[in-house]
């Protein structure tokens, strides 16, 4: 079964939760909510509801650093990634995409032998 994850921006950086959610989706996670936390946090946290300990461990593999913690107020079976000012770097993915990954120009014959 897919891991259901809510991704929340607690760093104050616009767009951070959505960018991270997109990367998690690329990794096969089911992002069910993207939002802004009600306050900022210094450190990123992985929280989980009843019955979601194994799913939280999978999120922790993808987002190394924070130790998953049970959260009594969490929805059962749900994992919450709360991105604090410490950030969230997904394992194996660059945080930024290079502007130019290679250049193809119309004034060059790209099929010509070099």
C-alpha atoms as a PDB file:
ATOM      1  CA  UNK A   1       0.000   0.000   0.000  1.00  0.00           C
ATOM      2  CA  UNK A   2       1.129   3.535  -0.679  1.00  0.00           C
ATOM      3  CA  UNK A   3       2.273   5.708   2.181  1.00  0.00           C
ATOM      4  CA  UNK A   4      -0.134   8.616   2.773  1.00  0.00           C
ATOM      5  CA  UNK A   5       1.825  11.757   3.617  1.00  0.00           C
ATOM      6  CA  UNK A   6       0.797  15.271   4.550  1.00  0.00           C
ATOM      7  CA  UNK A   7       3.539  17.815   3.809  1.00  0.00           C
ATOM      8  CA  UNK A   8       3.568  21.061   5.776  1.00  0.00           C
ATOM      9  CA  UNK A   9       5.784  24.121   5.432  1.00  0.00           C
ATOM     10  CA  UNK A  10       6.974  25.247   8.867  1.00  0.00           C
ATOM     11  CA  UNK A  11      10.024  27.115   7.556  1.00  0.00           C
ATOM     12  CA  UNK A  12       8.358  30.205   6.129  1.00  0.00           C
ATOM     13  CA  UNK A  13       9.887  29.604   2.672  1.00  0.00           C
ATOM     14  CA  UNK A  14       7.191  30.058  -0.008  1.00  0.00           C
ATOM     15  CA  UNK A  15       6.576  26.947  -2.126  1.00  0.00           C
ATOM     16  CA  UNK A  16       8.731  24.648  -0.004  1.00  0.00           C
ATOM     17  CA  UNK A  17       5.980  22.181   0.911  1.00  0.00           C
ATOM     18  CA  UNK A  18       4.753  21.887  -2.685  1.00  0.00           C
ATOM     19  CA  UNK A  19       8.254  21.309  -4.107  1.00  0.00           C
ATOM     20  CA  UNK A  20       8.939  18.646  -1.486  1.00  0.00           C
ATOM     21  CA  UNK A  21       5.517  17.058  -2.063  1.00  0.00           C
ATOM     22  CA  UNK A  22       6.236  16.854  -5.804  1.00  0.00           C
ATOM     23  CA  UNK A  23       9.530  15.073  -5.093  1.00  0.00           C
ATOM     24  CA  UNK A  24       7.820  12.635  -2.725  1.00  0.00           C
ATOM     25  CA  UNK A  25       5.152  11.915  -5.353  1.00  0.00           C
ATOM     26  CA  UNK A  26       7.926  11.145  -7.871  1.00  0.00           C
ATOM     27  CA  UNK A  27       9.202   8.630  -5.323  1.00  0.00           C
ATOM     28  CA  UNK A  28       5.861   6.822  -5.119  1.00  0.00           C
ATOM     29  CA  UNK A  29       4.444   8.382  -1.965  1.00  0.00           C
ATOM     30  CA  UNK A  30       0.786   9.433  -1.950  1.00  0.00           C
ATOM     31  CA  UNK A  31       0.740  13.076  -0.863  1.00  0.00           C
ATOM     32  CA  UNK A  32      -2.749  13.678   0.511  1.00  0.00           C
ATOM     33  CA  UNK A  33      -2.294  17.231   1.831  1.00  0.00           C
ATOM     34  CA  UNK A  34       0.082  20.136   1.240  1.00  0.00           C
ATOM     35  CA  UNK A  35      -0.156  23.094   3.551  1.00  0.00           C
ATOM     36  CA  UNK A  36       1.439  25.610   5.856  1.00  0.00           C
ATOM     37  CA  UNK A  37       1.997  24.811   9.522  1.00  0.00           C
ATOM     38  CA  UNK A  38       0.409  27.127  12.061  1.00  0.00           C
ATOM     39  CA  UNK A  39       3.846  28.185  13.292  1.00  0.00           C
ATOM     40  CA  UNK A  40       7.495  27.927  12.255  1.00  0.00           C
ATOM     41  CA  UNK A  41       9.781  25.204  13.554  1.00  0.00           C
ATOM     42  CA  UNK A  42      13.570  25.153  13.644  1.00  0.00           C
ATOM     43  CA  UNK A  43      13.842  21.454  12.823  1.00  0.00           C
ATOM     44  CA  UNK A  44      12.074  19.220  10.330  1.00  0.00           C
ATOM     45  CA  UNK A  45       9.873  16.543  11.884  1.00  0.00           C
ATOM     46  CA  UNK A  46       8.287  13.290  10.751  1.00  0.00           C
ATOM     47  CA  UNK A  47       5.158  12.577  12.796  1.00  0.00           C
ATOM     48  CA  UNK A  48       2.745   9.682  12.440  1.00  0.00           C
ATOM     49  CA  UNK A  49      -0.644   8.499  13.597  1.00  0.00           C
ATOM     50  CA  UNK A  50      -1.668   5.150  15.048  1.00  0.00           C
ATOM     51  CA  UNK A  51      -0.677   2.230  12.845  1.00  0.00           C
ATOM     52  CA  UNK A  52       1.655   4.248  10.606  1.00  0.00           C
ATOM     53  CA  UNK A  53       5.013   3.512  12.227  1.00  0.00           C
ATOM     54  CA  UNK A  54       6.295   1.475   9.261  1.00  0.00           C
ATOM     55  CA  UNK A  55       5.088   4.097   6.775  1.00  0.00           C
ATOM     56  CA  UNK A  56       6.874   6.812   8.779  1.00  0.00           C
ATOM     57  CA  UNK A  57      10.065   4.734   8.636  1.00  0.00           C
ATOM     58  CA  UNK A  58       9.764   4.693   4.820  1.00  0.00           C
ATOM     59  CA  UNK A  59       9.433   8.486   4.782  1.00  0.00           C
ATOM     60  CA  UNK A  60      12.518   8.704   7.039  1.00  0.00           C
ATOM     61  CA  UNK A  61      14.494   6.677   4.487  1.00  0.00           C
ATOM     62  CA  UNK A  62      13.519   9.143   1.744  1.00  0.00           C
ATOM     63  CA  UNK A  63      14.059  12.208   3.985  1.00  0.00           C
ATOM     64  CA  UNK A  64      17.085  11.393   6.150  1.00  0.00           C
ATOM     65  CA  UNK A  65      17.604  13.293   9.389  1.00  0.00           C
ATOM     66  CA  UNK A  66      14.524  13.497  11.568  1.00  0.00           C
ATOM     67  CA  UNK A  67      13.510  10.489  13.666  1.00  0.00           C
ATOM     68  CA  UNK A  68       9.824   9.619  13.215  1.00  0.00           C
ATOM     69  CA  UNK A  69       7.710  10.280  16.303  1.00  0.00           C
ATOM     70  CA  UNK A  70       4.176   9.185  17.186  1.00  0.00           C
ATOM     71  CA  UNK A  71       1.690  12.049  17.419  1.00  0.00           C
ATOM     72  CA  UNK A  72      -1.525  11.464  19.344  1.00  0.00           C
ATOM     73  CA  UNK A  73      -3.459  14.122  17.403  1.00  0.00           C
ATOM     74  CA  UNK A  74      -2.550  12.570  14.046  1.00  0.00           C
ATOM     75  CA  UNK A  75      -5.073  10.831  11.831  1.00  0.00           C
ATOM     76  CA  UNK A  76      -4.593   7.023  12.107  1.00  0.00           C
ATOM     77  CA  UNK A  77      -2.472   5.619   9.286  1.00  0.00           C
ATOM     78  CA  UNK A  78      -1.172   9.040   8.216  1.00  0.00           C
ATOM     79  CA  UNK A  79       2.387  10.403   8.164  1.00  0.00           C
ATOM     80  CA  UNK A  80       3.147  14.119   8.458  1.00  0.00           C
ATOM     81  CA  UNK A  81       6.337  15.714   7.150  1.00  0.00           C
ATOM     82  CA  UNK A  82       6.669  19.110   8.833  1.00  0.00           C
ATOM     83  CA  UNK A  83       9.522  20.967   7.136  1.00  0.00           C
ATOM     84  CA  UNK A  84      11.290  23.293   9.535  1.00  0.00           C
ATOM     85  CA  UNK A  85      14.064  25.804   8.954  1.00  0.00           C
ATOM     86  CA  UNK A  86      16.564  22.904   8.899  1.00  0.00           C
ATOM     87  CA  UNK A  87      15.014  21.884   5.548  1.00  0.00           C
ATOM     88  CA  UNK A  88      14.273  18.512   3.984  1.00  0.00           C
ATOM     89  CA  UNK A  89      16.633  17.036   1.429  1.00  0.00           C
ATOM     90  CA  UNK A  90      15.378  13.893  -0.249  1.00  0.00           C
ATOM     91  CA  UNK A  91      17.921  11.119  -0.576  1.00  0.00           C
ATOM     92  CA  UNK A  92      19.252  10.736  -4.091  1.00  0.00           C
ATOM     93  CA  UNK A  93      17.634  13.871  -5.492  1.00  0.00           C
ATOM     94  CA  UNK A  94      19.319  17.207  -6.001  1.00  0.00           C
ATOM     95  CA  UNK A  95      17.614  20.094  -4.280  1.00  0.00           C
ATOM     96  CA  UNK A  96      17.933  22.214  -7.385  1.00  0.00           C
ATOM     97  CA  UNK A  97      17.673  21.438 -11.062  1.00  0.00           C
ATOM     98  CA  UNK A  98      20.480  22.917 -13.148  1.00  0.00           C
ATOM     99  CA  UNK A  99      19.401  25.768 -15.401  1.00  0.00           C
ATOM    100  CA  UNK A 100      21.066  24.289 -18.462  1.00  0.00           C
ATOM    101  CA  UNK A 101      21.557  20.542 -18.468  1.00  0.00           C
ATOM    102  CA  UNK A 102      23.010  20.578 -21.979  1.00  0.00           C
ATOM    103  CA  UNK A 103      22.769  22.914 -24.879  1.00  0.00           C
ATOM    104  CA  UNK A 104      21.362  22.171 -28.310  1.00  0.00           C
ATOM    105  CA  UNK A 105      21.681  24.990 -30.774  1.00  0.00           C
ATOM    106  CA  UNK A 106      19.913  25.371 -34.096  1.00  0.00           C
ATOM    107  CA  UNK A 107      23.086  26.640 -35.777  1.00  0.00           C
ATOM    108  CA  UNK A 108      24.898  23.324 -35.163  1.00  0.00           C
ATOM    109  CA  UNK A 109      24.320  19.943 -36.740  1.00  0.00           C
ATOM    110  CA  UNK A 110      23.935  17.737 -33.682  1.00  0.00           C
ATOM    111  CA  UNK A 111      24.117  14.598 -35.836  1.00  0.00           C
ATOM    112  CA  UNK A 112      27.420  15.499 -37.517  1.00  0.00           C
ATOM    113  CA  UNK A 113      30.511  13.508 -36.627  1.00  0.00           C
ATOM    114  CA  UNK A 114      32.867  15.498 -34.432  1.00  0.00           C
END
